Amino acid sequence: MSIVGPRNNAFAVWITGLPASGKSTITAALKAQLADRGVDLAVLESDVLRKVFASDRQYETKGRDAFYRQMVFIGSLLLEHGVPVIFDATANRRAYRDRARREIARFIEVYVDVPLATCTARDPKGIYRSAGSGEATNVPGVQDPYEPPEAPEVVVQGENPESDARRIVEKLIEKGYLK
């Protein structure tokens, strides 16, 4: 697949971090702030897409590899048609996000840097409880590694989603992806 680039103004933002770090809350704030600026976009949320692409919800390495290839492919198709994309996905391996970076020219990565202890205390979906009981065996940060980005364009702590979203918008403006 060719790199999605300057023939249109679409861009991609990948919001990554441990489960329960606040990615979806920041995504919602960012989507609202971009809508206020007249930007109509697509949110590719891993939890939603998994129900379609991986109905058996495979979380082992092979299943994750296939899932994130599909996710990047869908994002690239949307971008080729001028639709900006927010990827709301843990993508625990750096390689998953790096694939998107290689294939999408107008791309920024946002790292929601929240400690595992905080994510475990939040645990709105019971992911960490499931890991503790042995019911879940591939939880990023617990049984499976989470590889933080090496050079994200934006790092946030997830304490103030509105402020975090503003920082992302500022980066999009700085990079010339947004006016």
C-alpha atoms as a PDB file:
ATOM      1  CA  MET A   1       0.000   0.000   0.000  1.00  0.00           C
ATOM      2  CA  SER A   2       1.242   3.456  -0.812  1.00  0.00           C
ATOM      3  CA  ILE A   3       1.802   6.083   1.805  1.00  0.00           C
ATOM      4  CA  VAL A   4      -1.245   8.217   2.394  1.00  0.00           C
ATOM      5  CA  GLY A   5       0.036  11.701   1.901  1.00  0.00           C
ATOM      6  CA  PRO A   6      -0.370  15.235   0.744  1.00  0.00           C
ATOM      7  CA  ARG A   7      -2.990  14.755  -1.970  1.00  0.00           C
ATOM      8  CA  ASN A   8      -5.582  15.559   0.703  1.00  0.00           C
ATOM      9  CA  ASN A   9      -5.628  17.207   4.104  1.00  0.00           C
ATOM     10  CA  ALA A  10      -6.556  14.146   6.116  1.00  0.00           C
ATOM     11  CA  PHE A  11      -4.402  13.160   9.067  1.00  0.00           C
ATOM     12  CA  ALA A  12      -4.258  10.385  11.620  1.00  0.00           C
ATOM     13  CA  VAL A  13      -3.860  10.524  15.388  1.00  0.00           C
ATOM     14  CA  TRP A  14      -3.038   7.299  17.222  1.00  0.00           C
ATOM     15  CA  ILE A  15      -3.867   7.492  20.923  1.00  0.00           C
ATOM     16  CA  THR A  16      -2.079   4.720  22.796  1.00  0.00           C
ATOM     17  CA  GLY A  17      -1.561   3.757  26.407  1.00  0.00           C
ATOM     18  CA  LEU A  18      -2.338   0.974  28.820  1.00  0.00           C
ATOM     19  CA  PRO A  19      -5.921  -0.273  29.135  1.00  0.00           C
ATOM     20  CA  ALA A  20      -7.916   2.119  31.382  1.00  0.00           C
ATOM     21  CA  SER A  21      -5.397   4.946  30.863  1.00  0.00           C
ATOM     22  CA  GLY A  22      -8.097   7.278  29.517  1.00  0.00           C
ATOM     23  CA  LYS A  23      -7.633   6.871  25.754  1.00  0.00           C
ATOM     24  CA  SER A  24     -11.357   6.797  24.958  1.00  0.00           C
ATOM     25  CA  THR A  25     -12.118   9.809  27.148  1.00  0.00           C
ATOM     26  CA  ILE A  26      -9.345  11.815  25.460  1.00  0.00           C
ATOM     27  CA  THR A  27     -10.559  10.598  22.058  1.00  0.00           C
ATOM     28  CA  ALA A  28     -14.077  11.880  22.811  1.00  0.00           C
ATOM     29  CA  ALA A  29     -12.704  15.275  23.905  1.00  0.00           C
ATOM     30  CA  LEU A  30     -10.488  15.486  20.808  1.00  0.00           C
ATOM     31  CA  LYS A  31     -13.347  14.512  18.494  1.00  0.00           C
ATOM     32  CA  ALA A  32     -15.537  17.251  20.024  1.00  0.00           C
ATOM     33  CA  GLN A  33     -12.804  19.896  19.757  1.00  0.00           C
ATOM     34  CA  LEU A  34     -12.121  18.976  16.136  1.00  0.00           C
ATOM     35  CA  ALA A  35     -15.861  19.025  15.358  1.00  0.00           C
ATOM     36  CA  ASP A  36     -15.966  22.565  16.754  1.00  0.00           C
ATOM     37  CA  ARG A  37     -13.328  23.412  14.131  1.00  0.00           C
ATOM     38  CA  GLY A  38     -15.433  21.851  11.354  1.00  0.00           C
ATOM     39  CA  VAL A  39     -13.433  18.617  11.115  1.00  0.00           C
ATOM     40  CA  ASP A  40     -15.546  15.539  10.402  1.00  0.00           C
ATOM     41  CA  LEU A  41     -13.543  12.435  11.219  1.00  0.00           C
ATOM     42  CA  ALA A  42     -13.707   8.728  11.903  1.00  0.00           C
ATOM     43  CA  VAL A  43     -12.778   7.123  15.201  1.00  0.00           C
ATOM     44  CA  LEU A  44     -11.379   3.617  14.915  1.00  0.00           C
ATOM     45  CA  GLU A  45     -11.805   2.205  18.399  1.00  0.00           C
ATOM     46  CA  SER A  46     -10.186  -1.178  18.928  1.00  0.00           C
ATOM     47  CA  ASP A  47     -12.921  -2.481  21.246  1.00  0.00           C
ATOM     48  CA  VAL A  48     -15.579  -1.792  18.595  1.00  0.00           C
ATOM     49  CA  LEU A  49     -13.556  -3.085  15.635  1.00  0.00           C
ATOM     50  CA  ARG A  50     -12.594  -6.274  17.479  1.00  0.00           C
ATOM     51  CA  LYS A  51     -16.278  -7.222  17.629  1.00  0.00           C
ATOM     52  CA  VAL A  52     -16.365  -7.060  13.814  1.00  0.00           C
ATOM     53  CA  PHE A  53     -12.916  -8.287  12.752  1.00  0.00           C
ATOM     54  CA  ALA A  54     -12.146 -10.720  15.562  1.00  0.00           C
ATOM     55  CA  SER A  55     -15.413 -11.988  16.923  1.00  0.00           C
ATOM     56  CA  ASP A  56     -13.495 -14.577  18.930  1.00  0.00           C
ATOM     57  CA  ARG A  57     -11.528 -11.616  20.388  1.00  0.00           C
ATOM     58  CA  GLN A  58      -8.116 -13.205  19.898  1.00  0.00           C
ATOM     59  CA  TYR A  59      -5.554 -11.439  22.045  1.00  0.00           C
ATOM     60  CA  GLU A  60      -2.539 -13.674  21.466  1.00  0.00           C
ATOM     61  CA  THR A  61       0.277 -12.254  19.325  1.00  0.00           C
ATOM     62  CA  LYS A  62      -0.882 -13.767  16.016  1.00  0.00           C
ATOM     63  CA  GLY A  63      -4.448 -12.511  16.502  1.00  0.00           C
ATOM     64  CA  ARG A  64      -3.252  -9.038  17.522  1.00  0.00           C
ATOM     65  CA  ASP A  65      -0.895  -8.844  14.528  1.00  0.00           C
ATOM     66  CA  ALA A  66      -3.762  -9.555  12.127  1.00  0.00           C
ATOM     67  CA  PHE A  67      -6.154  -7.223  13.927  1.00  0.00           C
ATOM     68  CA  TYR A  68      -3.797  -4.228  13.885  1.00  0.00           C
ATOM     69  CA  ARG A  69      -2.927  -4.819  10.201  1.00  0.00           C
ATOM     70  CA  GLN A  70      -6.668  -4.660   9.474  1.00  0.00           C
ATOM     71  CA  MET A  71      -7.086  -1.556  11.609  1.00  0.00           C
ATOM     72  CA  VAL A  72      -4.265   0.299   9.835  1.00  0.00           C
ATOM     73  CA  PHE A  73      -5.652  -0.789   6.452  1.00  0.00           C
ATOM     74  CA  ILE A  74      -9.125   0.598   7.251  1.00  0.00           C
ATOM     75  CA  GLY A  75      -7.571   3.824   8.568  1.00  0.00           C
ATOM     76  CA  SER A  76      -5.473   4.183   5.408  1.00  0.00           C
ATOM     77  CA  LEU A  77      -8.551   3.706   3.199  1.00  0.00           C
ATOM     78  CA  LEU A  78     -10.432   6.404   5.089  1.00  0.00           C
ATOM     79  CA  LEU A  79      -7.461   8.761   4.847  1.00  0.00           C
ATOM     80  CA  GLU A  80      -7.114   8.168   1.094  1.00  0.00           C
ATOM     81  CA  HIS A  81     -10.693   9.419   0.784  1.00  0.00           C
ATOM     82  CA  GLY A  82      -9.982  12.538   2.807  1.00  0.00           C
ATOM     83  CA  VAL A  83     -11.406  11.381   6.134  1.00  0.00           C
ATOM     84  CA  PRO A  84      -9.204  12.189   9.162  1.00  0.00           C
ATOM     85  CA  VAL A  85      -8.856   9.275  11.588  1.00  0.00           C
ATOM     86  CA  ILE A  86      -8.329   8.862  15.306  1.00  0.00           C
ATOM     87  CA  PHE A  87      -7.046   5.418  16.257  1.00  0.00           C
ATOM     88  CA  ASP A  88      -8.192   4.729  19.833  1.00  0.00           C
ATOM     89  CA  ALA A  89      -6.216   1.588  20.555  1.00  0.00           C
ATOM     90  CA  THR A  90      -3.713   0.253  23.064  1.00  0.00           C
ATOM     91  CA  ALA A  91      -1.663  -1.461  20.335  1.00  0.00           C
ATOM     92  CA  ASN A  92       0.663  -2.857  22.975  1.00  0.00           C
ATOM     93  CA  ARG A  93       3.518  -3.555  20.563  1.00  0.00           C
ATOM     94  CA  ARG A  94       5.370  -0.590  19.105  1.00  0.00           C
ATOM     95  CA  ALA A  95       5.442  -2.375  15.724  1.00  0.00           C
ATOM     96  CA  TYR A  96       1.662  -2.016  15.357  1.00  0.00           C
ATOM     97  CA  ARG A  97       1.824   1.762  15.682  1.00  0.00           C
ATOM     98  CA  ASP A  98       5.022   1.986  13.653  1.00  0.00           C
ATOM     99  CA  ARG A  99       3.222   0.273  10.752  1.00  0.00           C
ATOM    100  CA  ALA A 100       0.680   3.098  10.756  1.00  0.00           C
ATOM    101  CA  ARG A 101       3.472   5.689  10.953  1.00  0.00           C
ATOM    102  CA  ARG A 102       5.174   4.123   7.898  1.00  0.00           C
ATOM    103  CA  GLU A 103       1.961   3.953   5.871  1.00  0.00           C
ATOM    104  CA  ILE A 104       0.454   7.313   6.819  1.00  0.00           C
ATOM    105  CA  ALA A 105       2.427  10.458   6.035  1.00  0.00           C
ATOM    106  CA  ARG A 106       0.314  12.856   8.129  1.00  0.00           C
ATOM    107  CA  PHE A 107       0.472  10.968  11.410  1.00  0.00           C
ATOM    108  CA  ILE A 108       0.971  11.784  15.068  1.00  0.00           C
ATOM    109  CA  GLU A 109       1.208   9.437  18.003  1.00  0.00           C
ATOM    110  CA  VAL A 110      -0.148  10.401  21.410  1.00  0.00           C
ATOM    111  CA  TYR A 111       1.026   8.493  24.465  1.00  0.00           C
ATOM    112  CA  VAL A 112      -1.301   8.494  27.458  1.00  0.00           C
ATOM    113  CA  ASP A 113       1.342   7.935  30.135  1.00  0.00           C
ATOM    114  CA  VAL A 114      -0.597   6.650  33.132  1.00  0.00           C
ATOM    115  CA  PRO A 115       0.997   4.261  35.665  1.00  0.00           C
ATOM    116  CA  LEU A 116      -0.208   0.659  35.735  1.00  0.00           C
ATOM    117  CA  ALA A 117      -1.327   1.080  39.368  1.00  0.00           C
ATOM    118  CA  THR A 118      -3.664   3.931  38.358  1.00  0.00           C
ATOM    119  CA  CYS A 119      -5.073   1.955  35.427  1.00  0.00           C
ATOM    120  CA  THR A 120      -5.588  -1.065  37.680  1.00  0.00           C
ATOM    121  CA  ALA A 121      -7.435   1.069  40.236  1.00  0.00           C
ATOM    122  CA  ARG A 122      -9.726   2.506  37.509  1.00  0.00           C
ATOM    123  CA  ASP A 123     -10.377  -0.791  35.679  1.00  0.00           C
ATOM    124  CA  PRO A 124     -13.844   0.157  34.307  1.00  0.00           C
ATOM    125  CA  LYS A 125     -14.084  -2.988  32.137  1.00  0.00           C
ATOM    126  CA  GLY A 126     -12.668  -5.388  34.734  1.00  0.00           C
ATOM    127  CA  ILE A 127      -9.654  -6.190  32.561  1.00  0.00           C
ATOM    128  CA  TYR A 128      -7.150  -6.151  35.401  1.00  0.00           C
ATOM    129  CA  ARG A 129      -9.476  -8.110  37.709  1.00  0.00           C
ATOM    130  CA  SER A 130      -9.738 -10.738  34.976  1.00  0.00           C
ATOM    131  CA  ALA A 131      -5.940 -10.815  34.689  1.00  0.00           C
ATOM    132  CA  GLY A 132      -5.600 -11.207  38.460  1.00  0.00           C
ATOM    133  CA  SER A 133      -8.020 -14.129  38.536  1.00  0.00           C
ATOM    134  CA  GLY A 134      -6.366 -15.822  35.552  1.00  0.00           C
ATOM    135  CA  GLU A 135      -9.475 -15.455  33.395  1.00  0.00           C
ATOM    136  CA  ALA A 136      -7.589 -13.086  31.038  1.00  0.00           C
ATOM    137  CA  THR A 137      -4.079 -14.159  30.094  1.00  0.00           C
ATOM    138  CA  ASN A 138      -2.836 -11.492  27.662  1.00  0.00           C
ATOM    139  CA  VAL A 139      -3.465  -8.142  29.356  1.00  0.00           C
ATOM    140  CA  PRO A 140      -0.941  -5.492  28.235  1.00  0.00           C
ATOM    141  CA  GLY A 141       1.166  -4.326  31.139  1.00  0.00           C
ATOM    142  CA  VAL A 142       0.396  -7.466  33.158  1.00  0.00           C
ATOM    143  CA  GLN A 143       0.945 -10.752  31.279  1.00  0.00           C
ATOM    144  CA  ASP A 144       1.787  -9.182  27.912  1.00  0.00           C
ATOM    145  CA  PRO A 145       4.272  -6.343  27.494  1.00  0.00           C
ATOM    146  CA  TYR A 146       3.203  -2.815  26.664  1.00  0.00           C
ATOM    147  CA  GLU A 147       5.873  -1.033  24.637  1.00  0.00           C
ATOM    148  CA  PRO A 148       5.520   2.729  25.050  1.00  0.00           C
ATOM    149  CA  PRO A 149       6.267   4.883  22.011  1.00  0.00           C
ATOM    150  CA  GLU A 150       9.903   5.897  21.623  1.00  0.00           C
ATOM    151  CA  ALA A 151       9.198   9.332  20.165  1.00  0.00           C
ATOM    152  CA  PRO A 152       5.520  10.263  20.433  1.00  0.00           C
ATOM    153  CA  GLU A 153       4.568  13.702  19.187  1.00  0.00           C
ATOM    154  CA  VAL A 154       2.455  14.290  22.308  1.00  0.00           C
ATOM    155  CA  VAL A 155       2.634  12.812  25.818  1.00  0.00           C
ATOM    156  CA  VAL A 156      -0.276  13.357  28.210  1.00  0.00           C
ATOM    157  CA  GLN A 157      -1.047  12.056  31.682  1.00  0.00           C
ATOM    158  CA  GLY A 158      -4.788  11.629  31.164  1.00  0.00           C
ATOM    159  CA  GLU A 159      -5.718  13.785  34.160  1.00  0.00           C
ATOM    160  CA  ASN A 160      -7.567  16.454  32.153  1.00  0.00           C
ATOM    161  CA  PRO A 161      -9.001  15.135  28.861  1.00  0.00           C
ATOM    162  CA  GLU A 162     -10.040  18.598  27.620  1.00  0.00           C
ATOM    163  CA  SER A 163      -6.549  19.984  28.172  1.00  0.00           C
ATOM    164  CA  ASP A 164      -4.985  16.849  26.682  1.00  0.00           C
ATOM    165  CA  ALA A 165      -7.160  17.238  23.583  1.00  0.00           C
ATOM    166  CA  ARG A 166      -6.136  20.898  23.266  1.00  0.00           C
ATOM    167  CA  ARG A 167      -2.473  19.847  23.320  1.00  0.00           C
ATOM    168  CA  ILE A 168      -3.167  17.385  20.515  1.00  0.00           C
ATOM    169  CA  VAL A 169      -4.963  20.062  18.476  1.00  0.00           C
ATOM    170  CA  GLU A 170      -2.004  22.396  19.027  1.00  0.00           C
ATOM    171  CA  LYS A 171       0.362  19.706  17.715  1.00  0.00           C
ATOM    172  CA  LEU A 172      -1.841  19.166  14.659  1.00  0.00           C
ATOM    173  CA  ILE A 173      -1.686  22.911  13.977  1.00  0.00           C
ATOM    174  CA  GLU A 174       2.068  23.024  14.576  1.00  0.00           C
ATOM    175  CA  LYS A 175       2.609  20.197  12.073  1.00  0.00           C
ATOM    176  CA  GLY A 176       0.408  21.954   9.498  1.00  0.00           C
ATOM    177  CA  TYR A 177      -2.265  19.253   9.513  1.00  0.00           C
ATOM    178  CA  LEU A 178      -4.911  21.623  10.852  1.00  0.00           C
ATOM    179  CA  LYS A 179      -5.539  25.341  10.528  1.00  0.00           C
END
